Amino acid sequence: MKKNSPLPLTLLCIAVTILVSLPAQAANGLDIYNPINADTVPQLINSIVRTILGVVGALSLFMFVYGGMLWMTSGGNSQRVEKGKETLTWATIGLAVIFSSYAILSFVFKALSGE
C-alpha cells in the first residue's frame, strides 16, 4: 500500500505559519508591500476587471490578425474569404462589447465610490 506524502501537510503548515506571522510583523512596524495596489474591495474588483478586459482585448487583436490572414491567404477561395470576413466582423463586435463593458463598469464604480 502506498503511503501518503508528507509534502502537502508540510506546505500547509509553512503557509499557515507565514500567514499568522504577517500581522505580527506589521504590528512591529515593518511595511508590507501590497502588489495589488487596492485598499478597498471596489478597487480590487476594478483591478481584476481591468486585467480581464485587457486579456480579452488581446484576444480580440489576435482574432483581427487571424481573420486578416484568412482573408489575405484565401487565394480566391470564396469560403475562406467569407470566413475571414466573418471573423473580422465578430472581432469588431467583440471589441465594441469590450469597450462598452469597460465604460459601463467605470461609470458604475465611479457612482459607487461617490467621485
PDB file of N, CA and C in Angstrom:
ATOM      1  N   MET A   1       0.838  -1.181   0.000  1.00  0.00           N
ATOM      2  CA  MET A   1       0.000   0.000   0.000  1.00  0.00           C
ATOM      3  C   MET A   1       0.885   1.246   0.000  1.00  0.00           C
ATOM      4  N   LYS A   2       0.516   2.218  -0.782  1.00  0.00           N
ATOM      5  CA  LYS A   2       1.302   3.440  -0.937  1.00  0.00           C
ATOM      6  C   LYS A   2       1.035   4.396   0.219  1.00  0.00           C
ATOM      7  N   LYS A   3       2.112   4.897   0.797  1.00  0.00           N
ATOM      8  CA  LYS A   3       1.988   5.866   1.887  1.00  0.00           C
ATOM      9  C   LYS A   3       1.760   7.255   1.324  1.00  0.00           C
ATOM     10  N   ASN A   4       0.971   8.053   2.008  1.00  0.00           N
ATOM     11  CA  ASN A   4       0.760   9.445   1.595  1.00  0.00           C
ATOM     12  C   ASN A   4       2.015  10.256   1.849  1.00  0.00           C
ATOM     13  N   SER A   5       2.290  11.165   0.931  1.00  0.00           N
ATOM     14  CA  SER A   5       3.465  12.017   1.049  1.00  0.00           C
ATOM     15  C   SER A   5       3.215  13.099   2.100  1.00  0.00           C
ATOM     16  N   PRO A   6       4.214  13.400   2.944  1.00  0.00           N
ATOM     17  CA  PRO A   6       4.042  14.455   3.953  1.00  0.00           C
ATOM     18  C   PRO A   6       4.215  15.860   3.371  1.00  0.00           C
ATOM     19  N   LEU A   7       4.523  15.982   2.077  1.00  0.00           N
ATOM     20  CA  LEU A   7       4.783  17.278   1.476  1.00  0.00           C
ATOM     21  C   LEU A   7       3.585  18.229   1.541  1.00  0.00           C
ATOM     22  N   PRO A   8       2.352  17.809   1.189  1.00  0.00           N
ATOM     23  CA  PRO A   8       1.230  18.765   1.275  1.00  0.00           C
ATOM     24  C   PRO A   8       0.995  19.276   2.694  1.00  0.00           C
ATOM     25  N   LEU A   9       1.108  18.409   3.675  1.00  0.00           N
ATOM     26  CA  LEU A   9       0.913  18.819   5.062  1.00  0.00           C
ATOM     27  C   LEU A   9       2.013  19.785   5.499  1.00  0.00           C
ATOM     28  N   THR A  10       3.228  19.539   5.065  1.00  0.00           N
ATOM     29  CA  THR A  10       4.346  20.421   5.391  1.00  0.00           C
ATOM     30  C   THR A  10       4.135  21.798   4.776  1.00  0.00           C
ATOM     31  N   LEU A  11       3.740  21.838   3.498  1.00  0.00           N
ATOM     32  CA  LEU A  11       3.495  23.119   2.839  1.00  0.00           C
ATOM     33  C   LEU A  11       2.350  23.877   3.497  1.00  0.00           C
ATOM     34  N   LEU A  12       1.313  23.168   3.916  1.00  0.00           N
ATOM     35  CA  LEU A  12       0.194  23.800   4.605  1.00  0.00           C
ATOM     36  C   LEU A  12       0.652  24.416   5.925  1.00  0.00           C
ATOM     37  N   CYS A  13       1.478  23.706   6.669  1.00  0.00           N
ATOM     38  CA  CYS A  13       1.981  24.231   7.943  1.00  0.00           C
ATOM     39  C   CYS A  13       2.846  25.468   7.726  1.00  0.00           C
ATOM     40  N   ILE A  14       3.668  25.456   6.696  1.00  0.00           N
ATOM     41  CA  ILE A  14       4.511  26.621   6.409  1.00  0.00           C
ATOM     42  C   ILE A  14       3.646  27.819   6.021  1.00  0.00           C
ATOM     43  N   ALA A  15       2.649  27.590   5.182  1.00  0.00           N
ATOM     44  CA  ALA A  15       1.769  28.684   4.752  1.00  0.00           C
ATOM     45  C   ALA A  15       1.014  29.276   5.934  1.00  0.00           C
ATOM     46  N   VAL A  16       0.493  28.436   6.810  1.00  0.00           N
ATOM     47  CA  VAL A  16      -0.236  28.930   7.980  1.00  0.00           C
ATOM     48  C   VAL A  16       0.700  29.726   8.893  1.00  0.00           C
ATOM     49  N   THR A  17       1.915  29.247   9.074  1.00  0.00           N
ATOM     50  CA  THR A  17       2.880  29.954   9.914  1.00  0.00           C
ATOM     51  C   THR A  17       3.192  31.335   9.358  1.00  0.00           C
ATOM     52  N   ILE A  18       3.373  31.427   8.037  1.00  0.00           N
ATOM     53  CA  ILE A  18       3.666  32.715   7.410  1.00  0.00           C
ATOM     54  C   ILE A  18       2.471  33.651   7.538  1.00  0.00           C
ATOM     55  N   LEU A  19       1.272  33.137   7.267  1.00  0.00           N
ATOM     56  CA  LEU A  19       0.089  33.989   7.330  1.00  0.00           C
ATOM     57  C   LEU A  19      -0.192  34.475   8.745  1.00  0.00           C
ATOM     58  N   VAL A  20       0.088  33.658   9.738  1.00  0.00           N
ATOM     59  CA  VAL A  20      -0.144  34.061  11.122  1.00  0.00           C
ATOM     60  C   VAL A  20       0.892  35.088  11.558  1.00  0.00           C
ATOM     61  N   SER A  21       2.116  34.980  11.046  1.00  0.00           N
ATOM     62  CA  SER A  21       3.172  35.894  11.486  1.00  0.00           C
ATOM     63  C   SER A  21       3.117  37.244  10.783  1.00  0.00           C
ATOM     64  N   LEU A  22       2.440  37.354   9.639  1.00  0.00           N
ATOM     65  CA  LEU A  22       2.388  38.630   8.925  1.00  0.00           C
ATOM     66  C   LEU A  22       1.754  39.758   9.731  1.00  0.00           C
ATOM     67  N   PRO A  23       0.590  39.557  10.365  1.00  0.00           N
ATOM     68  CA  PRO A  23       0.045  40.663  11.170  1.00  0.00           C
ATOM     69  C   PRO A  23       0.953  41.054  12.329  1.00  0.00           C
ATOM     70  N   ALA A  24       1.646  40.092  12.895  1.00  0.00           N
ATOM     71  CA  ALA A  24       2.555  40.402  13.994  1.00  0.00           C
ATOM     72  C   ALA A  24       3.728  41.237  13.493  1.00  0.00           C
ATOM     73  N   GLN A  25       4.232  40.936  12.311  1.00  0.00           N
ATOM     74  CA  GLN A  25       5.327  41.715  11.743  1.00  0.00           C
ATOM     75  C   GLN A  25       4.853  43.125  11.405  1.00  0.00           C
ATOM     76  N   ALA A  26       3.628  43.248  10.895  1.00  0.00           N
ATOM     77  CA  ALA A  26       3.092  44.566  10.567  1.00  0.00           C
ATOM     78  C   ALA A  26       2.914  45.397  11.835  1.00  0.00           C
ATOM     79  N   ALA A  27       2.560  44.760  12.927  1.00  0.00           N
ATOM     80  CA  ALA A  27       2.382  45.481  14.186  1.00  0.00           C
ATOM     81  C   ALA A  27       3.721  45.967  14.735  1.00  0.00           C
ATOM     82  N   ASN A  28       4.811  45.303  14.356  1.00  0.00           N
ATOM     83  CA  ASN A  28       6.133  45.703  14.832  1.00  0.00           C
ATOM     84  C   ASN A  28       6.729  46.834  14.006  1.00  0.00           C
ATOM     85  N   GLY A  29       6.009  47.349  13.036  1.00  0.00           N
ATOM     86  CA  GLY A  29       6.491  48.488  12.273  1.00  0.00           C
ATOM     87  C   GLY A  29       7.076  48.141  10.922  1.00  0.00           C
ATOM     88  N   LEU A  30       7.017  46.902  10.499  1.00  0.00           N
ATOM     89  CA  LEU A  30       7.530  46.537   9.194  1.00  0.00           C
ATOM     90  C   LEU A  30       6.480  46.860   8.134  1.00  0.00           C
ATOM     91  N   ASP A  31       6.919  47.440   7.041  1.00  0.00           N
ATOM     92  CA  ASP A  31       5.996  47.731   5.953  1.00  0.00           C
ATOM     93  C   ASP A  31       5.828  46.489   5.085  1.00  0.00           C
ATOM     94  N   ILE A  32       4.609  46.197   4.769  1.00  0.00           N
ATOM     95  CA  ILE A  32       4.311  45.065   3.901  1.00  0.00           C
ATOM     96  C   ILE A  32       3.924  45.616   2.541  1.00  0.00           C
ATOM     97  N   TYR A  33       4.582  45.133   1.511  1.00  0.00           N
ATOM     98  CA  TYR A  33       4.319  45.589   0.150  1.00  0.00           C
ATOM     99  C   TYR A  33       3.009  45.004  -0.344  1.00  0.00           C
ATOM    100  N   ASN A  34       2.149  45.860  -0.892  1.00  0.00           N
ATOM    101  CA  ASN A  34       0.867  45.441  -1.434  1.00  0.00           C
ATOM    102  C   ASN A  34       0.976  45.424  -2.962  1.00  0.00           C
ATOM    103  N   PRO A  35       1.132  44.254  -3.584  1.00  0.00           N
ATOM    104  CA  PRO A  35       1.316  44.209  -5.036  1.00  0.00           C
ATOM    105  C   PRO A  35       0.037  44.489  -5.809  1.00  0.00           C
ATOM    106  N   ILE A  36      -1.107  44.434  -5.154  1.00  0.00           N
ATOM    107  CA  ILE A  36      -2.385  44.611  -5.843  1.00  0.00           C
ATOM    108  C   ILE A  36      -2.719  46.088  -6.031  1.00  0.00           C
ATOM    109  N   ASN A  37      -2.201  46.951  -5.192  1.00  0.00           N
ATOM    110  CA  ASN A  37      -2.482  48.386  -5.226  1.00  0.00           C
ATOM    111  C   ASN A  37      -3.969  48.680  -5.063  1.00  0.00           C
ATOM    112  N   ALA A  38      -4.622  47.924  -4.215  1.00  0.00           N
ATOM    113  CA  ALA A  38      -6.041  48.135  -3.938  1.00  0.00           C
ATOM    114  C   ALA A  38      -6.232  48.110  -2.422  1.00  0.00           C
ATOM    115  N   ASP A  39      -6.813  49.179  -1.911  1.00  0.00           N
ATOM    116  CA  ASP A  39      -7.035  49.257  -0.471  1.00  0.00           C
ATOM    117  C   ASP A  39      -8.450  48.861  -0.082  1.00  0.00           C
ATOM    118  N   THR A  40      -9.379  48.918  -1.032  1.00  0.00           N
ATOM    119  CA  THR A  40     -10.767  48.576  -0.756  1.00  0.00           C
ATOM    120  C   THR A  40     -11.231  47.499  -1.732  1.00  0.00           C
ATOM    121  N   VAL A  41     -12.364  46.912  -1.416  1.00  0.00           N
ATOM    122  CA  VAL A  41     -12.914  45.851  -2.272  1.00  0.00           C
ATOM    123  C   VAL A  41     -13.295  46.386  -3.657  1.00  0.00           C
ATOM    124  N   PRO A  42     -13.939  47.555  -3.788  1.00  0.00           N
ATOM    125  CA  PRO A  42     -14.228  48.048  -5.144  1.00  0.00           C
ATOM    126  C   PRO A  42     -12.965  48.289  -5.970  1.00  0.00           C
ATOM    127  N   GLN A  43     -11.879  48.749  -5.334  1.00  0.00           N
ATOM    128  CA  GLN A  43     -10.633  48.927  -6.071  1.00  0.00           C
ATOM    129  C   GLN A  43     -10.075  47.585  -6.535  1.00  0.00           C
ATOM    130  N   LEU A  44     -10.209  46.567  -5.684  1.00  0.00           N
ATOM    131  CA  LEU A  44      -9.755  45.229  -6.052  1.00  0.00           C
ATOM    132  C   LEU A  44     -10.555  44.687  -7.225  1.00  0.00           C
ATOM    133  N   ILE A  45     -11.869  44.838  -7.169  1.00  0.00           N
ATOM    134  CA  ILE A  45     -12.724  44.363  -8.254  1.00  0.00           C
ATOM    135  C   ILE A  45     -12.423  45.124  -9.541  1.00  0.00           C
ATOM    136  N   ASN A  46     -12.214  46.434  -9.427  1.00  0.00           N
ATOM    137  CA  ASN A  46     -11.870  47.245 -10.591  1.00  0.00           C
ATOM    138  C   ASN A  46     -10.556  46.771 -11.209  1.00  0.00           C
ATOM    139  N   SER A  47      -9.580  46.457 -10.384  1.00  0.00           N
ATOM    140  CA  SER A  47      -8.294  45.968 -10.875  1.00  0.00           C
ATOM    141  C   SER A  47      -8.452  44.629 -11.590  1.00  0.00           C
ATOM    142  N   ILE A  48      -9.249  43.740 -11.013  1.00  0.00           N
ATOM    143  CA  ILE A  48      -9.486  42.424 -11.627  1.00  0.00           C
ATOM    144  C   ILE A  48     -10.205  42.581 -12.962  1.00  0.00           C
ATOM    145  N   VAL A  49     -11.225  43.441 -13.002  1.00  0.00           N
ATOM    146  CA  VAL A  49     -11.986  43.653 -14.237  1.00  0.00           C
ATOM    147  C   VAL A  49     -11.087  44.247 -15.320  1.00  0.00           C
ATOM    148  N   ARG A  50     -10.240  45.207 -14.955  1.00  0.00           N
ATOM    149  CA  ARG A  50      -9.330  45.798 -15.941  1.00  0.00           C
ATOM    150  C   ARG A  50      -8.370  44.755 -16.502  1.00  0.00           C
ATOM    151  N   THR A  51      -7.891  43.863 -15.651  1.00  0.00           N
ATOM    152  CA  THR A  51      -6.989  42.811 -16.109  1.00  0.00           C
ATOM    153  C   THR A  51      -7.701  41.874 -17.075  1.00  0.00           C
ATOM    154  N   ILE A  52      -8.919  41.473 -16.721  1.00  0.00           N
ATOM    155  CA  ILE A  52      -9.689  40.580 -17.591  1.00  0.00           C
ATOM    156  C   ILE A  52      -9.980  41.257 -18.926  1.00  0.00           C
ATOM    157  N   LEU A  53     -10.372  42.527 -18.892  1.00  0.00           N
ATOM    158  CA  LEU A  53     -10.655  43.234 -20.141  1.00  0.00           C
ATOM    159  C   LEU A  53      -9.393  43.395 -20.985  1.00  0.00           C
ATOM    160  N   GLY A  54      -8.253  43.540 -20.362  1.00  0.00           N
ATOM    161  CA  GLY A  54      -7.002  43.608 -21.107  1.00  0.00           C
ATOM    162  C   GLY A  54      -6.695  42.306 -21.829  1.00  0.00           C
ATOM    163  N   VAL A  55      -6.925  41.189 -21.141  1.00  0.00           N
ATOM    164  CA  VAL A  55      -6.701  39.884 -21.758  1.00  0.00           C
ATOM    165  C   VAL A  55      -7.681  39.664 -22.912  1.00  0.00           C
ATOM    166  N   VAL A  56      -8.935  40.020 -22.702  1.00  0.00           N
ATOM    167  CA  VAL A  56      -9.939  39.856 -23.752  1.00  0.00           C
ATOM    168  C   VAL A  56      -9.630  40.775 -24.937  1.00  0.00           C
ATOM    169  N   GLY A  57      -9.126  41.966 -24.673  1.00  0.00           N
ATOM    170  CA  GLY A  57      -8.724  42.865 -25.750  1.00  0.00           C
ATOM    171  C   GLY A  57      -7.579  42.284 -26.566  1.00  0.00           C
ATOM    172  N   ALA A  58      -6.631  41.635 -25.887  1.00  0.00           N
ATOM    173  CA  ALA A  58      -5.530  40.985 -26.593  1.00  0.00           C
ATOM    174  C   ALA A  58      -6.045  39.835 -27.453  1.00  0.00           C
ATOM    175  N   LEU A  59      -7.015  39.088 -26.946  1.00  0.00           N
ATOM    176  CA  LEU A  59      -7.619  38.018 -27.746  1.00  0.00           C
ATOM    177  C   LEU A  59      -8.346  38.584 -28.955  1.00  0.00           C
ATOM    178  N   SER A  60      -8.973  39.727 -28.792  1.00  0.00           N
ATOM    179  CA  SER A  60      -9.648  40.373 -29.912  1.00  0.00           C
ATOM    180  C   SER A  60      -8.636  40.775 -30.985  1.00  0.00           C
ATOM    181  N   LEU A  61      -7.498  41.310 -30.565  1.00  0.00           N
ATOM    182  CA  LEU A  61      -6.444  41.659 -31.516  1.00  0.00           C
ATOM    183  C   LEU A  61      -5.973  40.424 -32.267  1.00  0.00           C
ATOM    184  N   PHE A  62      -5.812  39.317 -31.546  1.00  0.00           N
ATOM    185  CA  PHE A  62      -5.421  38.063 -32.190  1.00  0.00           C
ATOM    186  C   PHE A  62      -6.456  37.640 -33.232  1.00  0.00           C
ATOM    187  N   MET A  63      -7.743  37.820 -32.927  1.00  0.00           N
ATOM    188  CA  MET A  63      -8.789  37.442 -33.883  1.00  0.00           C
ATOM    189  C   MET A  63      -8.757  38.339 -35.114  1.00  0.00           C
ATOM    190  N   PHE A  64      -8.414  39.618 -34.948  1.00  0.00           N
ATOM    191  CA  PHE A  64      -8.250  40.505 -36.103  1.00  0.00           C
ATOM    192  C   PHE A  64      -7.130  40.001 -37.012  1.00  0.00           C
ATOM    193  N   VAL A  65      -6.015  39.631 -36.414  1.00  0.00           N
ATOM    194  CA  VAL A  65      -4.883  39.132 -37.199  1.00  0.00           C
ATOM    195  C   VAL A  65      -5.250  37.823 -37.891  1.00  0.00           C
ATOM    196  N   TYR A  66      -5.915  36.930 -37.169  1.00  0.00           N
ATOM    197  CA  TYR A  66      -6.324  35.640 -37.730  1.00  0.00           C
ATOM    198  C   TYR A  66      -7.294  35.839 -38.896  1.00  0.00           C
ATOM    199  N   GLY A  67      -8.297  36.689 -38.715  1.00  0.00           N
ATOM    200  CA  GLY A  67      -9.264  36.948 -39.784  1.00  0.00           C
ATOM    201  C   GLY A  67      -8.607  37.584 -40.994  1.00  0.00           C
ATOM    202  N   GLY A  68      -7.684  38.504 -40.766  1.00  0.00           N
ATOM    203  CA  GLY A  68      -6.962  39.126 -41.872  1.00  0.00           C
ATOM    204  C   GLY A  68      -6.096  38.131 -42.619  1.00  0.00           C
ATOM    205  N   MET A  69      -5.443  37.235 -41.874  1.00  0.00           N
ATOM    206  CA  MET A  69      -4.618  36.216 -42.527  1.00  0.00           C
ATOM    207  C   MET A  69      -5.476  35.251 -43.346  1.00  0.00           C
ATOM    208  N   LEU A  70      -6.645  34.891 -42.816  1.00  0.00           N
ATOM    209  CA  LEU A  70      -7.547  34.022 -43.584  1.00  0.00           C
ATOM    210  C   LEU A  70      -7.946  34.685 -44.900  1.00  0.00           C
ATOM    211  N   TRP A  71      -8.292  35.941 -44.812  1.00  0.00           N
ATOM    212  CA  TRP A  71      -8.754  36.671 -45.993  1.00  0.00           C
ATOM    213  C   TRP A  71      -7.612  36.846 -46.998  1.00  0.00           C
ATOM    214  N   MET A  72      -6.453  37.241 -46.502  1.00  0.00           N
ATOM    215  CA  MET A  72      -5.336  37.527 -47.405  1.00  0.00           C
ATOM    216  C   MET A  72      -4.747  36.276 -48.037  1.00  0.00           C
ATOM    217  N   THR A  73      -4.821  35.139 -47.350  1.00  0.00           N
ATOM    218  CA  THR A  73      -4.244  33.899 -47.888  1.00  0.00           C
ATOM    219  C   THR A  73      -5.301  33.006 -48.515  1.00  0.00           C
ATOM    220  N   SER A  74      -6.482  33.545 -48.796  1.00  0.00           N
ATOM    221  CA  SER A  74      -7.559  32.718 -49.348  1.00  0.00           C
ATOM    222  C   SER A  74      -7.258  32.270 -50.768  1.00  0.00           C
ATOM    223  N   GLY A  75      -6.528  33.038 -51.509  1.00  0.00           N
ATOM    224  CA  GLY A  75      -6.186  32.658 -52.878  1.00  0.00           C
ATOM    225  C   GLY A  75      -7.395  32.566 -53.779  1.00  0.00           C
ATOM    226  N   GLY A  76      -8.404  33.386 -53.522  1.00  0.00           N
ATOM    227  CA  GLY A  76      -9.606  33.381 -54.359  1.00  0.00           C
ATOM    228  C   GLY A  76     -10.664  32.387 -53.908  1.00  0.00           C
ATOM    229  N   ASN A  77     -10.386  31.595 -52.877  1.00  0.00           N
ATOM    230  CA  ASN A  77     -11.367  30.641 -52.359  1.00  0.00           C
ATOM    231  C   ASN A  77     -12.448  31.424 -51.610  1.00  0.00           C
ATOM    232  N   SER A  78     -13.650  31.405 -52.156  1.00  0.00           N
ATOM    233  CA  SER A  78     -14.719  32.243 -51.600  1.00  0.00           C
ATOM    234  C   SER A  78     -15.111  31.833 -50.186  1.00  0.00           C
ATOM    235  N   GLN A  79     -14.985  30.558 -49.842  1.00  0.00           N
ATOM    236  CA  GLN A  79     -15.333  30.133 -48.484  1.00  0.00           C
ATOM    237  C   GLN A  79     -14.358  30.715 -47.455  1.00  0.00           C
ATOM    238  N   ARG A  80     -13.079  30.742 -47.796  1.00  0.00           N
ATOM    239  CA  ARG A  80     -12.097  31.306 -46.861  1.00  0.00           C
ATOM    240  C   ARG A  80     -12.237  32.819 -46.764  1.00  0.00           C
ATOM    241  N   VAL A  81     -12.591  33.465 -47.881  1.00  0.00           N
ATOM    242  CA  VAL A  81     -12.819  34.914 -47.838  1.00  0.00           C
ATOM    243  C   VAL A  81     -13.985  35.215 -46.915  1.00  0.00           C
ATOM    244  N   GLU A  82     -15.060  34.467 -47.036  1.00  0.00           N
ATOM    245  CA  GLU A  82     -16.231  34.671 -46.167  1.00  0.00           C
ATOM    246  C   GLU A  82     -15.882  34.392 -44.709  1.00  0.00           C
ATOM    247  N   LYS A  83     -15.117  33.322 -44.467  1.00  0.00           N
ATOM    248  CA  LYS A  83     -14.738  33.007 -43.085  1.00  0.00           C
ATOM    249  C   LYS A  83     -13.870  34.129 -42.506  1.00  0.00           C
ATOM    250  N   GLY A  84     -12.957  34.669 -43.300  1.00  0.00           N
ATOM    251  CA  GLY A  84     -12.120  35.782 -42.841  1.00  0.00           C
ATOM    252  C   GLY A  84     -12.949  37.021 -42.548  1.00  0.00           C
ATOM    253  N   LYS A  85     -13.916  37.325 -43.426  1.00  0.00           N
ATOM    254  CA  LYS A  85     -14.781  38.491 -43.204  1.00  0.00           C
ATOM    255  C   LYS A  85     -15.625  38.304 -41.948  1.00  0.00           C
ATOM    256  N   GLU A  86     -16.167  37.101 -41.758  1.00  0.00           N
ATOM    257  CA  GLU A  86     -16.961  36.834 -40.553  1.00  0.00           C
ATOM    258  C   GLU A  86     -16.115  36.977 -39.293  1.00  0.00           C
ATOM    259  N   THR A  87     -14.890  36.484 -39.347  1.00  0.00           N
ATOM    260  CA  THR A  87     -14.007  36.598 -38.189  1.00  0.00           C
ATOM    261  C   THR A  87     -13.724  38.060 -37.867  1.00  0.00           C
ATOM    262  N   LEU A  88     -13.460  38.858 -38.893  1.00  0.00           N
ATOM    263  CA  LEU A  88     -13.218  40.279 -38.677  1.00  0.00           C
ATOM    264  C   LEU A  88     -14.463  40.984 -38.146  1.00  0.00           C
ATOM    265  N   THR A  89     -15.631  40.612 -38.660  1.00  0.00           N
ATOM    266  CA  THR A  89     -16.881  41.218 -38.195  1.00  0.00           C
ATOM    267  C   THR A  89     -17.123  40.902 -36.719  1.00  0.00           C
ATOM    268  N   TRP A  90     -16.980  39.636 -36.349  1.00  0.00           N
ATOM    269  CA  TRP A  90     -17.227  39.253 -34.962  1.00  0.00           C
ATOM    270  C   TRP A  90     -16.160  39.803 -34.022  1.00  0.00           C
ATOM    271  N   ALA A  91     -14.930  39.936 -34.503  1.00  0.00           N
ATOM    272  CA  ALA A  91     -13.886  40.551 -33.670  1.00  0.00           C
ATOM    273  C   ALA A  91     -14.212  42.022 -33.425  1.00  0.00           C
ATOM    274  N   THR A  92     -14.754  42.700 -34.447  1.00  0.00           N
ATOM    275  CA  THR A  92     -15.156  44.100 -34.284  1.00  0.00           C
ATOM    276  C   THR A  92     -16.295  44.223 -33.283  1.00  0.00           C
ATOM    277  N   ILE A  93     -17.281  43.328 -33.391  1.00  0.00           N
ATOM    278  CA  ILE A  93     -18.401  43.331 -32.445  1.00  0.00           C
ATOM    279  C   ILE A  93     -17.892  43.045 -31.026  1.00  0.00           C
ATOM    280  N   GLY A  94     -16.977  42.097 -30.895  1.00  0.00           N
ATOM    281  CA  GLY A  94     -16.402  41.780 -29.589  1.00  0.00           C
ATOM    282  C   GLY A  94     -15.656  42.950 -28.996  1.00  0.00           C
ATOM    283  N   LEU A  95     -14.923  43.682 -29.844  1.00  0.00           N
ATOM    284  CA  LEU A  95     -14.198  44.849 -29.363  1.00  0.00           C
ATOM    285  C   LEU A  95     -15.158  45.939 -28.902  1.00  0.00           C
ATOM    286  N   ALA A  96     -16.262  46.106 -29.627  1.00  0.00           N
ATOM    287  CA  ALA A  96     -17.275  47.090 -29.211  1.00  0.00           C
ATOM    288  C   ALA A  96     -17.878  46.693 -27.862  1.00  0.00           C
ATOM    289  N   VAL A  97     -18.121  45.402 -27.663  1.00  0.00           N
ATOM    290  CA  VAL A  97     -18.665  44.923 -26.389  1.00  0.00           C
ATOM    291  C   VAL A  97     -17.657  45.159 -25.266  1.00  0.00           C
ATOM    292  N   ILE A  98     -16.375  44.930 -25.532  1.00  0.00           N
ATOM    293  CA  ILE A  98     -15.340  45.142 -24.526  1.00  0.00           C
ATOM    294  C   ILE A  98     -15.294  46.613 -24.104  1.00  0.00           C
ATOM    295  N   PHE A  99     -15.271  47.516 -25.092  1.00  0.00           N
ATOM    296  CA  PHE A  99     -15.232  48.943 -24.764  1.00  0.00           C
ATOM    297  C   PHE A  99     -16.501  49.379 -24.034  1.00  0.00           C
ATOM    298  N   SER A 100     -17.651  48.866 -24.453  1.00  0.00           N
ATOM    299  CA  SER A 100     -18.907  49.218 -23.783  1.00  0.00           C
ATOM    300  C   SER A 100     -18.928  48.724 -22.347  1.00  0.00           C
ATOM    301  N   SER A 101     -18.484  47.491 -22.139  1.00  0.00           N
ATOM    302  CA  SER A 101     -18.488  46.954 -20.775  1.00  0.00           C
ATOM    303  C   SER A 101     -17.520  47.725 -19.887  1.00  0.00           C
ATOM    304  N   TYR A 102     -16.381  48.130 -20.442  1.00  0.00           N
ATOM    305  CA  TYR A 102     -15.445  48.922 -19.649  1.00  0.00           C
ATOM    306  C   TYR A 102     -16.055  50.275 -19.277  1.00  0.00           C
ATOM    307  N   ALA A 103     -16.733  50.905 -20.239  1.00  0.00           N
ATOM    308  CA  ALA A 103     -17.360  52.204 -19.961  1.00  0.00           C
ATOM    309  C   ALA A 103     -18.453  52.071 -18.904  1.00  0.00           C
ATOM    310  N   ILE A 104     -19.267  51.036 -19.008  1.00  0.00           N
ATOM    311  CA  ILE A 104     -20.348  50.816 -18.036  1.00  0.00           C
ATOM    312  C   ILE A 104     -19.770  50.543 -16.650  1.00  0.00           C
ATOM    313  N   LEU A 105     -18.769  49.657 -16.563  1.00  0.00           N
ATOM    314  CA  LEU A 105     -18.182  49.341 -15.261  1.00  0.00           C
ATOM    315  C   LEU A 105     -17.466  50.545 -14.658  1.00  0.00           C
ATOM    316  N   SER A 106     -16.814  51.325 -15.486  1.00  0.00           N
ATOM    317  CA  SER A 106     -16.162  52.534 -14.985  1.00  0.00           C
ATOM    318  C   SER A 106     -17.196  53.498 -14.415  1.00  0.00           C
ATOM    319  N   PHE A 107     -18.313  53.663 -15.114  1.00  0.00           N
ATOM    320  CA  PHE A 107     -19.386  54.532 -14.627  1.00  0.00           C
ATOM    321  C   PHE A 107     -19.954  54.011 -13.310  1.00  0.00           C
ATOM    322  N   VAL A 108     -20.197  52.709 -13.222  1.00  0.00           N
ATOM    323  CA  VAL A 108     -20.783  52.127 -12.008  1.00  0.00           C
ATOM    324  C   VAL A 108     -19.823  52.280 -10.832  1.00  0.00           C
ATOM    325  N   PHE A 109     -18.534  52.014 -11.044  1.00  0.00           N
ATOM    326  CA  PHE A 109     -17.583  52.130  -9.941  1.00  0.00           C
ATOM    327  C   PHE A 109     -17.416  53.574  -9.486  1.00  0.00           C
ATOM    328  N   LYS A 110     -17.450  54.516 -10.419  1.00  0.00           N
ATOM    329  CA  LYS A 110     -17.368  55.919 -10.024  1.00  0.00           C
ATOM    330  C   LYS A 110     -18.621  56.336  -9.254  1.00  0.00           C
ATOM    331  N   ALA A 111     -19.783  55.821  -9.668  1.00  0.00           N
ATOM    332  CA  ALA A 111     -21.026  56.144  -8.960  1.00  0.00           C
ATOM    333  C   ALA A 111     -21.024  55.535  -7.551  1.00  0.00           C
ATOM    334  N   LEU A 112     -20.498  54.320  -7.426  1.00  0.00           N
ATOM    335  CA  LEU A 112     -20.482  53.682  -6.113  1.00  0.00           C
ATOM    336  C   LEU A 112     -19.470  54.319  -5.167  1.00  0.00           C
ATOM    337  N   SER A 113     -18.364  54.781  -5.724  1.00  0.00           N
ATOM    338  CA  SER A 113     -17.345  55.372  -4.851  1.00  0.00           C
ATOM    339  C   SER A 113     -17.654  56.831  -4.519  1.00  0.00           C
ATOM    340  N   GLY A 114     -18.606  57.435  -5.210  1.00  0.00           N
ATOM    341  CA  GLY A 114     -19.019  58.802  -4.896  1.00  0.00           C
ATOM    342  C   GLY A 114     -18.122  59.871  -5.484  1.00  0.00           C
ATOM    343  N   GLU A 115     -17.367  59.535  -6.504  1.00  0.00           N
ATOM    344  CA  GLU A 115     -16.487  60.524  -7.128  1.00  0.00           C
ATOM    345  C   GLU A 115     -17.233  61.402  -8.088  1.00  0.00           C
TER     346      GLU A 115
END
